[in-house]
Amino acid sequence: MSTKKIKPIDLKNLEPEEKLKYEIAEELGLLDKVVTEGWRSLSSKETGRIGGLITKRKRKS
């Protein structure tokens, strides 16, 4: 486990693409885990699910 500090996330001041990533993480029930432990704490399955939903939504717009 790394000792690198996790910087606080300002959810109100994000780029549109980052905002979408956090919104999807929230919908999947992973936002708390991401905020407390960082993106590295997610499994490859969880990360892939987020990536897949981002791609799906980008295609729709």
C-alpha atoms as a PDB file:
ATOM      1  CA  MET A   1       0.000   0.000   0.000  1.00  0.00           C
ATOM      2  CA  SER A   2       1.404   3.385  -0.877  1.00  0.00           C
ATOM      3  CA  THR A   3       1.791   6.174   1.628  1.00  0.00           C
ATOM      4  CA  LYS A   4       0.896   8.775  -0.965  1.00  0.00           C
ATOM      5  CA  LYS A   5      -1.632  11.280   0.346  1.00  0.00           C
ATOM      6  CA  ILE A   6      -4.975  11.403  -1.364  1.00  0.00           C
ATOM      7  CA  LYS A   7      -5.811  14.963  -2.248  1.00  0.00           C
ATOM      8  CA  PRO A   8      -9.337  16.143  -1.454  1.00  0.00           C
ATOM      9  CA  ILE A   9     -11.727  16.177  -4.371  1.00  0.00           C
ATOM     10  CA  ASP A  10     -13.790  19.258  -5.136  1.00  0.00           C
ATOM     11  CA  LEU A  11     -16.838  17.657  -6.742  1.00  0.00           C
ATOM     12  CA  LYS A  12     -18.280  21.057  -7.678  1.00  0.00           C
ATOM     13  CA  ASN A  13     -15.221  22.193  -9.635  1.00  0.00           C
ATOM     14  CA  LEU A  14     -14.458  19.436 -12.162  1.00  0.00           C
ATOM     15  CA  GLU A  15     -13.954  19.203 -15.897  1.00  0.00           C
ATOM     16  CA  PRO A  16     -17.053  17.808 -17.684  1.00  0.00           C
ATOM     17  CA  GLU A  17     -15.366  14.460 -18.394  1.00  0.00           C
ATOM     18  CA  GLU A  18     -14.213  14.084 -14.776  1.00  0.00           C
ATOM     19  CA  LYS A  19     -17.677  15.059 -13.559  1.00  0.00           C
ATOM     20  CA  LEU A  20     -19.220  12.313 -15.693  1.00  0.00           C
ATOM     21  CA  LYS A  21     -16.795   9.779 -14.207  1.00  0.00           C
ATOM     22  CA  TYR A  22     -17.760  10.739 -10.664  1.00  0.00           C
ATOM     23  CA  GLU A  23     -21.475  10.723 -11.521  1.00  0.00           C
ATOM     24  CA  ILE A  24     -21.225   7.176 -12.861  1.00  0.00           C
ATOM     25  CA  ALA A  25     -19.204   6.065  -9.829  1.00  0.00           C
ATOM     26  CA  GLU A  26     -21.976   7.475  -7.651  1.00  0.00           C
ATOM     27  CA  GLU A  27     -24.676   5.662  -9.640  1.00  0.00           C
ATOM     28  CA  LEU A  28     -22.783   2.398  -9.203  1.00  0.00           C
ATOM     29  CA  GLY A  29     -22.417   2.974  -5.465  1.00  0.00           C
ATOM     30  CA  LEU A  30     -18.649   3.429  -5.691  1.00  0.00           C
ATOM     31  CA  LEU A  31     -18.297   7.148  -4.992  1.00  0.00           C
ATOM     32  CA  ASP A  32     -17.659   6.771  -1.251  1.00  0.00           C
ATOM     33  CA  LYS A  33     -14.922   4.243  -1.931  1.00  0.00           C
ATOM     34  CA  VAL A  34     -13.313   6.510  -4.543  1.00  0.00           C
ATOM     35  CA  VAL A  35     -13.439   9.571  -2.282  1.00  0.00           C
ATOM     36  CA  THR A  36     -11.965   7.791   0.743  1.00  0.00           C
ATOM     37  CA  GLU A  37      -9.490   5.424  -0.919  1.00  0.00           C
ATOM     38  CA  GLY A  38      -8.922   6.825  -4.419  1.00  0.00           C
ATOM     39  CA  TRP A  39      -9.485   5.408  -7.895  1.00  0.00           C
ATOM     40  CA  ARG A  40      -6.751   2.798  -7.360  1.00  0.00           C
ATOM     41  CA  SER A  41      -8.936   1.056  -4.790  1.00  0.00           C
ATOM     42  CA  LEU A  42     -11.396  -0.049  -7.480  1.00  0.00           C
ATOM     43  CA  SER A  43     -11.173  -3.473  -9.049  1.00  0.00           C
ATOM     44  CA  SER A  44     -10.583  -3.828 -12.767  1.00  0.00           C
ATOM     45  CA  LYS A  45     -14.207  -4.946 -13.129  1.00  0.00           C
ATOM     46  CA  GLU A  46     -15.475  -1.774 -11.406  1.00  0.00           C
ATOM     47  CA  THR A  47     -13.157   0.440 -13.438  1.00  0.00           C
ATOM     48  CA  GLY A  48     -14.193  -1.265 -16.664  1.00  0.00           C
ATOM     49  CA  ARG A  49     -17.862  -0.777 -15.832  1.00  0.00           C
ATOM     50  CA  ILE A  50     -17.296   2.954 -15.310  1.00  0.00           C
ATOM     51  CA  GLY A  51     -15.330   3.193 -18.561  1.00  0.00           C
ATOM     52  CA  GLY A  52     -17.993   1.319 -20.471  1.00  0.00           C
ATOM     53  CA  LEU A  53     -20.755   3.595 -19.215  1.00  0.00           C
ATOM     54  CA  ILE A  54     -18.711   6.713 -20.037  1.00  0.00           C
ATOM     55  CA  THR A  55     -18.248   5.435 -23.600  1.00  0.00           C
ATOM     56  CA  LYS A  56     -21.933   4.583 -23.913  1.00  0.00           C
ATOM     57  CA  ARG A  57     -23.003   8.053 -22.772  1.00  0.00           C
ATOM     58  CA  LYS A  58     -20.524   9.821 -25.027  1.00  0.00           C
ATOM     59  CA  ARG A  59     -21.933   7.978 -28.027  1.00  0.00           C
ATOM     60  CA  LYS A  60     -25.457   9.104 -27.150  1.00  0.00           C
ATOM     61  CA  SER A  61     -24.564  12.793 -27.052  1.00  0.00           C
END
